Amino acid sequence: NLMGWINELCYIQLDLNPDAPYDPWTPHSGVSHMYLGQRAATRLAALGGVDLPAELMPDHENMNTMKHEGHAKCLKLIQAAMKDPAKKDQARLIYETIGVYLGYALAQYSEHYIIENVLILGRVSTGEGGQIMLDKAKEVLMAEFPHLGDMKFHQPDEHFKRVGQCIAA
């Protein structure tokens, strides 16, 4: 039973596949922050048609540490691709994929918690891509879990989204 304050579910295991990405903070794989934030965007960037330098590729040793700088740089490249008409359609798939992850994650969380309100924070939720992500999550909930379709999504302004995760955590 969650209390009446913000609860961050970033270490809940979503993916039980033994080959799921490992979390650099814990000895666990498949945890939610590897699927719902900028680390997910990093893993999907090259598949989404974003040109990445070698040091920002997901398998590079610098990208599998506790540092966020490389992931922030990669996310900026994804956001730039969203503004490029030649790359937008492919880059959009990154946000749609994270939205699918979010929809299924919320359904999984709902097996244990009553969730009425969802506050979306973090850099990956900013801009047009963030809205695509949320729309896809809602689509998944309505199609696959219609009994969860009344969850209310809340978003702060663009500035708070970028720094709000630090404040909430």
N, C-alpha and C. Protein backbone atom coordinates (compact mmCIF):
# COMPACT_ATOMS: atom_id res chain seq x y z
N ASN A 1 0.84 -1.17 0.00
CA ASN A 1 0.00 0.00 0.00
C ASN A 1 0.89 1.24 0.00
N LEU A 2 0.84 1.99 -1.08
CA LEU A 2 1.67 3.18 -1.19
C LEU A 2 1.04 4.33 -0.41
N MET A 3 1.86 5.15 0.15
CA MET A 3 1.40 6.29 0.93
C MET A 3 0.99 7.42 -0.01
N GLY A 4 0.53 8.52 0.55
CA GLY A 4 0.03 9.63 -0.23
C GLY A 4 1.09 10.58 -0.71
N TRP A 5 2.24 10.10 -1.06
CA TRP A 5 3.28 10.95 -1.60
C TRP A 5 3.84 10.31 -2.86
N ILE A 6 4.80 10.95 -3.46
CA ILE A 6 5.38 10.44 -4.70
C ILE A 6 6.22 9.21 -4.40
N ASN A 7 6.00 8.16 -5.17
CA ASN A 7 6.78 6.94 -5.04
C ASN A 7 7.43 6.65 -6.39
N GLU A 8 8.72 6.49 -6.39
CA GLU A 8 9.46 6.20 -7.61
C GLU A 8 9.69 4.70 -7.69
N LEU A 9 9.25 4.10 -8.77
CA LEU A 9 9.35 2.65 -8.93
C LEU A 9 10.44 2.28 -9.93
N CYS A 10 11.59 2.92 -9.80
CA CYS A 10 12.64 2.74 -10.81
C CYS A 10 13.41 1.43 -10.69
N TYR A 11 13.30 0.73 -9.58
CA TYR A 11 14.07 -0.50 -9.42
C TYR A 11 13.20 -1.75 -9.44
N ILE A 12 11.98 -1.62 -9.93
CA ILE A 12 11.10 -2.77 -10.07
C ILE A 12 11.53 -3.55 -11.31
N GLN A 13 11.64 -4.86 -11.19
CA GLN A 13 12.06 -5.66 -12.33
C GLN A 13 10.90 -5.83 -13.31
N LEU A 14 11.10 -5.39 -14.54
CA LEU A 14 10.10 -5.50 -15.60
C LEU A 14 10.40 -6.64 -16.55
N ASP A 15 11.66 -6.88 -16.79
CA ASP A 15 12.08 -7.86 -17.80
C ASP A 15 12.80 -9.00 -17.10
N LEU A 16 12.23 -10.19 -17.20
CA LEU A 16 12.82 -11.36 -16.54
C LEU A 16 13.79 -12.13 -17.44
N ASN A 17 13.97 -11.66 -18.65
CA ASN A 17 14.89 -12.30 -19.57
C ASN A 17 16.31 -12.24 -18.98
N PRO A 18 17.01 -13.37 -18.93
CA PRO A 18 18.37 -13.34 -18.37
C PRO A 18 19.33 -12.43 -19.15
N ASP A 19 18.99 -12.12 -20.39
CA ASP A 19 19.83 -11.22 -21.19
C ASP A 19 19.38 -9.77 -21.12
N ALA A 20 18.46 -9.46 -20.23
CA ALA A 20 17.99 -8.07 -20.08
C ALA A 20 19.16 -7.19 -19.65
N PRO A 21 19.11 -5.90 -19.98
CA PRO A 21 20.22 -5.01 -19.61
C PRO A 21 20.38 -4.91 -18.09
N TYR A 22 21.64 -4.89 -17.68
CA TYR A 22 21.95 -4.78 -16.26
C TYR A 22 21.98 -3.33 -15.83
N ASP A 23 21.58 -3.12 -14.61
CA ASP A 23 21.58 -1.82 -13.98
C ASP A 23 22.96 -1.57 -13.37
N PRO A 24 23.58 -0.43 -13.65
CA PRO A 24 24.93 -0.20 -13.10
C PRO A 24 24.95 0.05 -11.59
N TRP A 25 23.80 0.29 -10.98
CA TRP A 25 23.76 0.57 -9.54
C TRP A 25 23.55 -0.69 -8.70
N THR A 26 22.97 -1.71 -9.30
CA THR A 26 22.62 -2.92 -8.55
C THR A 26 23.08 -4.14 -9.35
N PRO A 27 23.05 -5.30 -8.75
CA PRO A 27 23.42 -6.50 -9.51
C PRO A 27 22.24 -7.08 -10.31
N HIS A 28 21.19 -6.30 -10.51
CA HIS A 28 19.97 -6.82 -11.13
C HIS A 28 19.86 -6.41 -12.60
N SER A 29 19.14 -7.20 -13.33
CA SER A 29 18.86 -6.87 -14.74
C SER A 29 17.37 -6.64 -14.91
N GLY A 30 17.03 -5.96 -16.00
CA GLY A 30 15.63 -5.77 -16.36
C GLY A 30 14.85 -4.81 -15.50
N VAL A 31 15.52 -3.94 -14.73
CA VAL A 31 14.79 -3.02 -13.86
C VAL A 31 14.19 -1.86 -14.67
N SER A 32 13.13 -1.29 -14.12
CA SER A 32 12.31 -0.36 -14.90
C SER A 32 13.04 0.87 -15.42
N HIS A 33 13.98 1.42 -14.68
CA HIS A 33 14.62 2.64 -15.19
C HIS A 33 15.47 2.36 -16.43
N MET A 34 15.77 1.11 -16.69
CA MET A 34 16.48 0.75 -17.92
C MET A 34 15.54 0.71 -19.13
N TYR A 35 14.23 0.81 -18.88
CA TYR A 35 13.22 0.74 -19.94
C TYR A 35 12.37 1.99 -20.06
N LEU A 36 12.37 2.84 -19.06
CA LEU A 36 11.42 3.95 -19.04
C LEU A 36 12.07 5.33 -19.07
N GLY A 37 13.36 5.42 -19.20
CA GLY A 37 14.02 6.72 -19.17
C GLY A 37 15.06 6.86 -20.26
N GLN A 38 16.02 7.75 -20.00
CA GLN A 38 17.00 8.04 -21.04
C GLN A 38 17.91 6.86 -21.33
N ARG A 39 18.08 5.93 -20.41
CA ARG A 39 18.87 4.74 -20.71
C ARG A 39 18.16 3.86 -21.74
N ALA A 40 16.85 3.82 -21.67
CA ALA A 40 16.08 3.11 -22.70
C ALA A 40 16.26 3.80 -24.05
N ALA A 41 16.19 5.13 -24.04
CA ALA A 41 16.37 5.88 -25.28
C ALA A 41 17.74 5.62 -25.88
N THR A 42 18.76 5.54 -25.03
CA THR A 42 20.12 5.25 -25.50
C THR A 42 20.17 3.88 -26.20
N ARG A 43 19.56 2.88 -25.58
CA ARG A 43 19.58 1.53 -26.17
C ARG A 43 18.84 1.48 -27.50
N LEU A 44 17.84 2.35 -27.68
CA LEU A 44 17.02 2.33 -28.88
C LEU A 44 17.48 3.32 -29.96
N ALA A 45 18.40 4.22 -29.61
CA ALA A 45 18.76 5.32 -30.52
C ALA A 45 19.27 4.85 -31.88
N ALA A 46 20.23 3.96 -31.90
CA ALA A 46 20.79 3.51 -33.18
C ALA A 46 19.72 2.80 -34.01
N LEU A 47 18.88 2.00 -33.34
CA LEU A 47 17.79 1.33 -34.05
C LEU A 47 16.79 2.33 -34.59
N GLY A 48 16.70 3.49 -33.93
CA GLY A 48 15.79 4.55 -34.35
C GLY A 48 16.40 5.49 -35.37
N GLY A 49 17.50 5.10 -35.98
CA GLY A 49 18.09 5.88 -37.05
C GLY A 49 18.90 7.08 -36.60
N VAL A 50 19.26 7.16 -35.34
CA VAL A 50 20.05 8.29 -34.85
C VAL A 50 21.53 7.96 -35.03
N ASP A 51 22.25 8.87 -35.66
CA ASP A 51 23.69 8.68 -35.85
C ASP A 51 24.40 8.97 -34.53
N LEU A 52 25.06 7.95 -34.01
CA LEU A 52 25.75 8.08 -32.72
C LEU A 52 27.24 7.90 -32.89
N PRO A 53 28.03 8.72 -32.21
CA PRO A 53 29.48 8.45 -32.18
C PRO A 53 29.71 7.18 -31.35
N ALA A 54 30.84 6.56 -31.55
CA ALA A 54 31.14 5.29 -30.88
C ALA A 54 30.99 5.37 -29.37
N GLU A 55 31.39 6.50 -28.78
CA GLU A 55 31.34 6.59 -27.31
C GLU A 55 29.92 6.72 -26.74
N LEU A 56 28.91 6.91 -27.62
CA LEU A 56 27.52 6.96 -27.16
C LEU A 56 26.72 5.71 -27.54
N MET A 57 27.39 4.76 -28.14
CA MET A 57 26.70 3.50 -28.46
C MET A 57 26.39 2.76 -27.16
N PRO A 58 25.26 2.08 -27.09
CA PRO A 58 24.84 1.46 -25.83
C PRO A 58 25.83 0.46 -25.24
N ASP A 59 26.61 -0.21 -26.06
CA ASP A 59 27.55 -1.21 -25.55
C ASP A 59 28.92 -0.63 -25.17
N HIS A 60 29.11 0.66 -25.41
CA HIS A 60 30.39 1.28 -25.05
C HIS A 60 30.54 1.27 -23.53
N GLU A 61 31.75 1.01 -23.07
CA GLU A 61 31.99 0.89 -21.62
C GLU A 61 31.58 2.15 -20.84
N ASN A 62 31.70 3.32 -21.45
CA ASN A 62 31.33 4.56 -20.76
C ASN A 62 29.82 4.71 -20.58
N MET A 63 29.04 3.95 -21.36
CA MET A 63 27.59 4.06 -21.28
C MET A 63 26.99 3.08 -20.27
N ASN A 64 27.81 2.26 -19.67
CA ASN A 64 27.32 1.26 -18.73
C ASN A 64 27.92 1.49 -17.34
N THR A 65 27.89 2.75 -16.95
CA THR A 65 28.36 3.15 -15.63
C THR A 65 27.23 3.93 -14.96
N MET A 66 27.49 4.41 -13.77
CA MET A 66 26.48 5.19 -13.06
C MET A 66 26.37 6.63 -13.56
N LYS A 67 27.24 7.04 -14.44
CA LYS A 67 27.21 8.41 -14.94
C LYS A 67 26.10 8.59 -15.97
N HIS A 68 25.48 9.77 -15.96
CA HIS A 68 24.35 10.07 -16.85
C HIS A 68 24.73 10.93 -18.05
N GLU A 69 25.93 11.50 -18.06
CA GLU A 69 26.28 12.49 -19.08
C GLU A 69 26.14 11.95 -20.50
N GLY A 70 26.65 10.75 -20.73
CA GLY A 70 26.56 10.16 -22.07
C GLY A 70 25.13 9.94 -22.50
N HIS A 71 24.30 9.53 -21.57
CA HIS A 71 22.89 9.29 -21.89
C HIS A 71 22.18 10.60 -22.19
N ALA A 72 22.54 11.66 -21.47
CA ALA A 72 21.97 12.98 -21.73
C ALA A 72 22.37 13.46 -23.13
N LYS A 73 23.62 13.24 -23.51
CA LYS A 73 24.08 13.63 -24.86
C LYS A 73 23.34 12.84 -25.93
N CYS A 74 23.17 11.56 -25.69
CA CYS A 74 22.47 10.71 -26.64
C CYS A 74 21.02 11.17 -26.80
N LEU A 75 20.38 11.50 -25.69
CA LEU A 75 18.99 11.96 -25.74
C LEU A 75 18.89 13.26 -26.53
N LYS A 76 19.87 14.14 -26.41
CA LYS A 76 19.86 15.37 -27.20
C LYS A 76 19.94 15.06 -28.70
N LEU A 77 20.71 14.05 -29.07
CA LEU A 77 20.77 13.64 -30.48
C LEU A 77 19.44 13.08 -30.95
N ILE A 78 18.77 12.34 -30.09
CA ILE A 78 17.45 11.81 -30.43
C ILE A 78 16.46 12.95 -30.62
N GLN A 79 16.49 13.92 -29.70
CA GLN A 79 15.59 15.07 -29.80
C GLN A 79 15.88 15.89 -31.06
N ALA A 80 17.14 15.99 -31.45
CA ALA A 80 17.49 16.68 -32.70
C ALA A 80 16.95 15.90 -33.90
N ALA A 81 17.03 14.58 -33.85
CA ALA A 81 16.49 13.75 -34.94
C ALA A 81 14.99 13.94 -35.07
N MET A 82 14.31 14.16 -33.95
CA MET A 82 12.86 14.41 -34.00
C MET A 82 12.53 15.71 -34.72
N LYS A 83 13.48 16.64 -34.78
CA LYS A 83 13.27 17.91 -35.45
C LYS A 83 13.70 17.88 -36.91
N ASP A 84 14.34 16.80 -37.32
CA ASP A 84 14.83 16.63 -38.69
C ASP A 84 13.79 15.84 -39.48
N PRO A 85 13.15 16.47 -40.48
CA PRO A 85 12.10 15.77 -41.23
C PRO A 85 12.56 14.45 -41.86
N ALA A 86 13.83 14.36 -42.20
CA ALA A 86 14.34 13.13 -42.81
C ALA A 86 14.50 11.99 -41.80
N LYS A 87 14.60 12.32 -40.52
CA LYS A 87 14.84 11.31 -39.48
C LYS A 87 13.66 11.13 -38.52
N LYS A 88 12.71 12.05 -38.56
CA LYS A 88 11.66 12.09 -37.55
C LYS A 88 10.84 10.80 -37.48
N ASP A 89 10.41 10.27 -38.61
CA ASP A 89 9.55 9.08 -38.58
C ASP A 89 10.25 7.90 -37.90
N GLN A 90 11.53 7.74 -38.17
CA GLN A 90 12.27 6.63 -37.56
C GLN A 90 12.55 6.92 -36.08
N ALA A 91 12.93 8.16 -35.76
CA ALA A 91 13.22 8.51 -34.37
C ALA A 91 11.96 8.43 -33.51
N ARG A 92 10.83 8.70 -34.09
CA ARG A 92 9.54 8.61 -33.38
C ARG A 92 9.34 7.22 -32.78
N LEU A 93 9.85 6.21 -33.47
CA LEU A 93 9.69 4.83 -33.00
C LEU A 93 10.36 4.60 -31.64
N ILE A 94 11.39 5.37 -31.34
CA ILE A 94 12.06 5.28 -30.03
C ILE A 94 11.05 5.62 -28.94
N TYR A 95 10.36 6.74 -29.11
CA TYR A 95 9.40 7.19 -28.10
C TYR A 95 8.18 6.26 -28.05
N GLU A 96 7.76 5.77 -29.20
CA GLU A 96 6.63 4.84 -29.21
C GLU A 96 7.00 3.57 -28.45
N THR A 97 8.22 3.08 -28.64
CA THR A 97 8.66 1.87 -27.95
C THR A 97 8.70 2.08 -26.44
N ILE A 98 9.24 3.21 -26.01
CA ILE A 98 9.27 3.51 -24.57
C ILE A 98 7.84 3.64 -24.04
N GLY A 99 6.94 4.18 -24.84
CA GLY A 99 5.53 4.27 -24.45
C GLY A 99 4.90 2.90 -24.27
N VAL A 100 5.25 1.97 -25.15
CA VAL A 100 4.76 0.59 -24.98
C VAL A 100 5.31 0.02 -23.68
N TYR A 101 6.59 0.22 -23.44
CA TYR A 101 7.19 -0.24 -22.18
C TYR A 101 6.42 0.35 -20.99
N LEU A 102 6.13 1.65 -21.04
CA LEU A 102 5.45 2.32 -19.95
C LEU A 102 4.05 1.76 -19.73
N GLY A 103 3.32 1.54 -20.81
CA GLY A 103 1.97 0.98 -20.68
C GLY A 103 1.98 -0.37 -19.99
N TYR A 104 2.86 -1.25 -20.44
CA TYR A 104 2.95 -2.57 -19.82
C TYR A 104 3.52 -2.50 -18.40
N ALA A 105 4.43 -1.59 -18.14
CA ALA A 105 4.98 -1.43 -16.79
C ALA A 105 3.88 -1.00 -15.82
N LEU A 106 3.05 -0.06 -16.24
CA LEU A 106 1.96 0.38 -15.37
C LEU A 106 0.98 -0.76 -15.09
N ALA A 107 0.72 -1.57 -16.10
CA ALA A 107 -0.14 -2.73 -15.88
C ALA A 107 0.50 -3.70 -14.89
N GLN A 108 1.79 -3.91 -15.02
CA GLN A 108 2.49 -4.81 -14.10
C GLN A 108 2.48 -4.23 -12.68
N TYR A 109 2.76 -2.94 -12.55
CA TYR A 109 2.73 -2.31 -11.23
C TYR A 109 1.34 -2.44 -10.61
N SER A 110 0.31 -2.37 -11.46
CA SER A 110 -1.07 -2.43 -10.98
C SER A 110 -1.46 -3.80 -10.44
N GLU A 111 -0.64 -4.79 -10.68
CA GLU A 111 -0.90 -6.09 -10.07
C GLU A 111 -0.65 -6.04 -8.57
N HIS A 112 0.11 -5.06 -8.11
CA HIS A 112 0.49 -4.95 -6.70
C HIS A 112 0.02 -3.66 -6.04
N TYR A 113 -0.22 -2.63 -6.82
CA TYR A 113 -0.59 -1.32 -6.28
C TYR A 113 -1.83 -0.80 -6.98
N ILE A 114 -2.63 -0.05 -6.26
CA ILE A 114 -3.74 0.67 -6.89
C ILE A 114 -3.15 1.98 -7.38
N ILE A 115 -3.18 2.18 -8.68
CA ILE A 115 -2.58 3.38 -9.27
C ILE A 115 -3.69 4.21 -9.89
N GLU A 116 -3.87 5.40 -9.37
CA GLU A 116 -4.88 6.31 -9.91
C GLU A 116 -4.24 7.47 -10.66
N ASN A 117 -3.05 7.88 -10.21
CA ASN A 117 -2.36 9.03 -10.79
C ASN A 117 -0.92 8.65 -11.11
N VAL A 118 -0.46 9.11 -12.27
CA VAL A 118 0.90 8.84 -12.71
C VAL A 118 1.55 10.18 -13.04
N LEU A 119 2.61 10.51 -12.32
CA LEU A 119 3.36 11.73 -12.57
C LEU A 119 4.56 11.36 -13.43
N ILE A 120 4.64 11.96 -14.59
CA ILE A 120 5.70 11.65 -15.55
C ILE A 120 6.79 12.73 -15.45
N LEU A 121 8.01 12.29 -15.11
CA LEU A 121 9.14 13.20 -14.98
C LEU A 121 10.33 12.63 -15.75
N GLY A 122 11.34 13.44 -15.94
CA GLY A 122 12.56 13.00 -16.59
C GLY A 122 12.71 13.59 -17.98
N ARG A 123 13.96 13.71 -18.39
CA ARG A 123 14.27 14.34 -19.69
C ARG A 123 13.62 13.65 -20.88
N VAL A 124 13.47 12.34 -20.81
CA VAL A 124 12.92 11.63 -21.96
C VAL A 124 11.45 12.00 -22.19
N SER A 125 10.80 12.57 -21.19
CA SER A 125 9.39 12.93 -21.32
C SER A 125 9.19 14.34 -21.87
N THR A 126 10.26 15.04 -22.19
CA THR A 126 10.12 16.42 -22.67
C THR A 126 9.85 16.46 -24.17
N GLY A 127 9.25 17.56 -24.57
CA GLY A 127 9.02 17.82 -25.99
C GLY A 127 8.01 16.89 -26.64
N GLU A 128 7.99 16.92 -27.96
CA GLU A 128 7.05 16.13 -28.74
C GLU A 128 7.22 14.63 -28.48
N GLY A 129 8.46 14.20 -28.32
CA GLY A 129 8.71 12.78 -28.06
C GLY A 129 8.05 12.30 -26.79
N GLY A 130 8.08 13.14 -25.75
CA GLY A 130 7.44 12.77 -24.50
C GLY A 130 5.94 12.57 -24.66
N GLN A 131 5.31 13.43 -25.46
CA GLN A 131 3.87 13.29 -25.70
C GLN A 131 3.58 12.02 -26.49
N ILE A 132 4.42 11.71 -27.46
CA ILE A 132 4.27 10.47 -28.23
C ILE A 132 4.35 9.27 -27.28
N MET A 133 5.29 9.31 -26.37
CA MET A 133 5.47 8.25 -25.39
C MET A 133 4.21 8.07 -24.55
N LEU A 134 3.67 9.16 -24.03
CA LEU A 134 2.47 9.08 -23.20
C LEU A 134 1.26 8.61 -23.98
N ASP A 135 1.10 9.11 -25.19
CA ASP A 135 -0.02 8.67 -26.02
C ASP A 135 0.04 7.17 -26.27
N LYS A 136 1.23 6.65 -26.53
CA LYS A 136 1.39 5.22 -26.78
C LYS A 136 1.10 4.42 -25.51
N ALA A 137 1.55 4.90 -24.36
CA ALA A 137 1.28 4.21 -23.09
C ALA A 137 -0.23 4.13 -22.85
N LYS A 138 -0.95 5.23 -23.09
CA LYS A 138 -2.41 5.23 -22.93
C LYS A 138 -3.06 4.28 -23.91
N GLU A 139 -2.55 4.25 -25.14
CA GLU A 139 -3.08 3.34 -26.15
C GLU A 139 -2.93 1.88 -25.71
N VAL A 140 -1.78 1.53 -25.17
CA VAL A 140 -1.54 0.17 -24.68
C VAL A 140 -2.50 -0.15 -23.54
N LEU A 141 -2.65 0.77 -22.60
CA LEU A 141 -3.55 0.53 -21.48
C LEU A 141 -4.98 0.31 -21.96
N MET A 142 -5.45 1.13 -22.87
CA MET A 142 -6.83 1.01 -23.35
C MET A 142 -7.04 -0.27 -24.16
N ALA A 143 -6.06 -0.65 -24.96
CA ALA A 143 -6.20 -1.84 -25.82
C ALA A 143 -6.03 -3.14 -25.05
N GLU A 144 -5.05 -3.18 -24.15
CA GLU A 144 -4.70 -4.42 -23.47
C GLU A 144 -5.27 -4.54 -22.05
N PHE A 145 -5.47 -3.40 -21.40
CA PHE A 145 -5.89 -3.39 -20.00
C PHE A 145 -6.96 -2.31 -19.80
N PRO A 146 -8.11 -2.42 -20.47
CA PRO A 146 -9.10 -1.34 -20.41
C PRO A 146 -9.57 -1.02 -18.99
N HIS A 147 -9.49 -1.97 -18.09
CA HIS A 147 -9.88 -1.71 -16.70
C HIS A 147 -8.91 -0.73 -16.01
N LEU A 148 -7.75 -0.48 -16.63
CA LEU A 148 -6.77 0.48 -16.09
C LEU A 148 -6.81 1.81 -16.84
N GLY A 149 -7.70 1.93 -17.79
CA GLY A 149 -7.74 3.10 -18.66
C GLY A 149 -8.09 4.40 -17.97
N ASP A 150 -8.50 4.35 -16.70
CA ASP A 150 -8.86 5.60 -16.02
C ASP A 150 -7.70 6.20 -15.23
N MET A 151 -6.50 5.65 -15.39
CA MET A 151 -5.33 6.27 -14.75
C MET A 151 -5.17 7.68 -15.30
N LYS A 152 -4.85 8.60 -14.42
CA LYS A 152 -4.64 9.99 -14.85
C LYS A 152 -3.14 10.26 -14.93
N PHE A 153 -2.72 10.74 -16.09
CA PHE A 153 -1.32 11.10 -16.30
C PHE A 153 -1.16 12.58 -16.01
N HIS A 154 -0.13 12.91 -15.28
CA HIS A 154 0.15 14.31 -14.94
C HIS A 154 1.57 14.64 -15.39
N GLN A 155 1.69 15.84 -15.95
CA GLN A 155 3.00 16.32 -16.40
C GLN A 155 3.20 17.75 -15.93
N PRO A 156 4.35 18.04 -15.36
CA PRO A 156 4.66 19.43 -15.03
C PRO A 156 5.11 20.17 -16.29
N ASP A 157 5.51 21.40 -16.13
CA ASP A 157 6.01 22.15 -17.28
C ASP A 157 7.35 21.55 -17.75
N GLU A 158 7.79 21.98 -18.91
CA GLU A 158 8.98 21.40 -19.55
C GLU A 158 10.23 21.52 -18.68
N HIS A 159 10.42 22.64 -18.00
CA HIS A 159 11.61 22.80 -17.15
C HIS A 159 11.58 21.81 -15.99
N PHE A 160 10.44 21.73 -15.32
CA PHE A 160 10.36 20.84 -14.16
C PHE A 160 10.50 19.37 -14.56
N LYS A 161 10.02 19.02 -15.77
CA LYS A 161 10.20 17.64 -16.25
C LYS A 161 11.67 17.27 -16.26
N ARG A 162 12.50 18.19 -16.71
CA ARG A 162 13.93 17.91 -16.85
C ARG A 162 14.64 17.76 -15.52
N VAL A 163 14.23 18.52 -14.51
CA VAL A 163 14.90 18.46 -13.22
C VAL A 163 14.03 17.83 -12.14
N GLY A 164 12.77 17.64 -12.42
CA GLY A 164 11.82 17.16 -11.42
C GLY A 164 12.12 15.78 -10.91
N GLN A 165 12.68 14.92 -11.75
CA GLN A 165 12.99 13.58 -11.30
C GLN A 165 14.00 13.63 -10.15
N CYS A 166 14.95 14.54 -10.22
CA CYS A 166 15.92 14.71 -9.14
C CYS A 166 15.23 15.15 -7.86
N ILE A 167 14.26 16.04 -7.99
CA ILE A 167 13.54 16.55 -6.82
C ILE A 167 12.67 15.46 -6.23
N ALA A 168 11.96 14.71 -7.10
CA ALA A 168 11.05 13.65 -6.62
C ALA A 168 11.82 12.51 -5.98
N ALA A 169 12.95 12.16 -6.55
CA ALA A 169 13.72 11.03 -6.00
C ALA A 169 14.25 11.38 -4.64
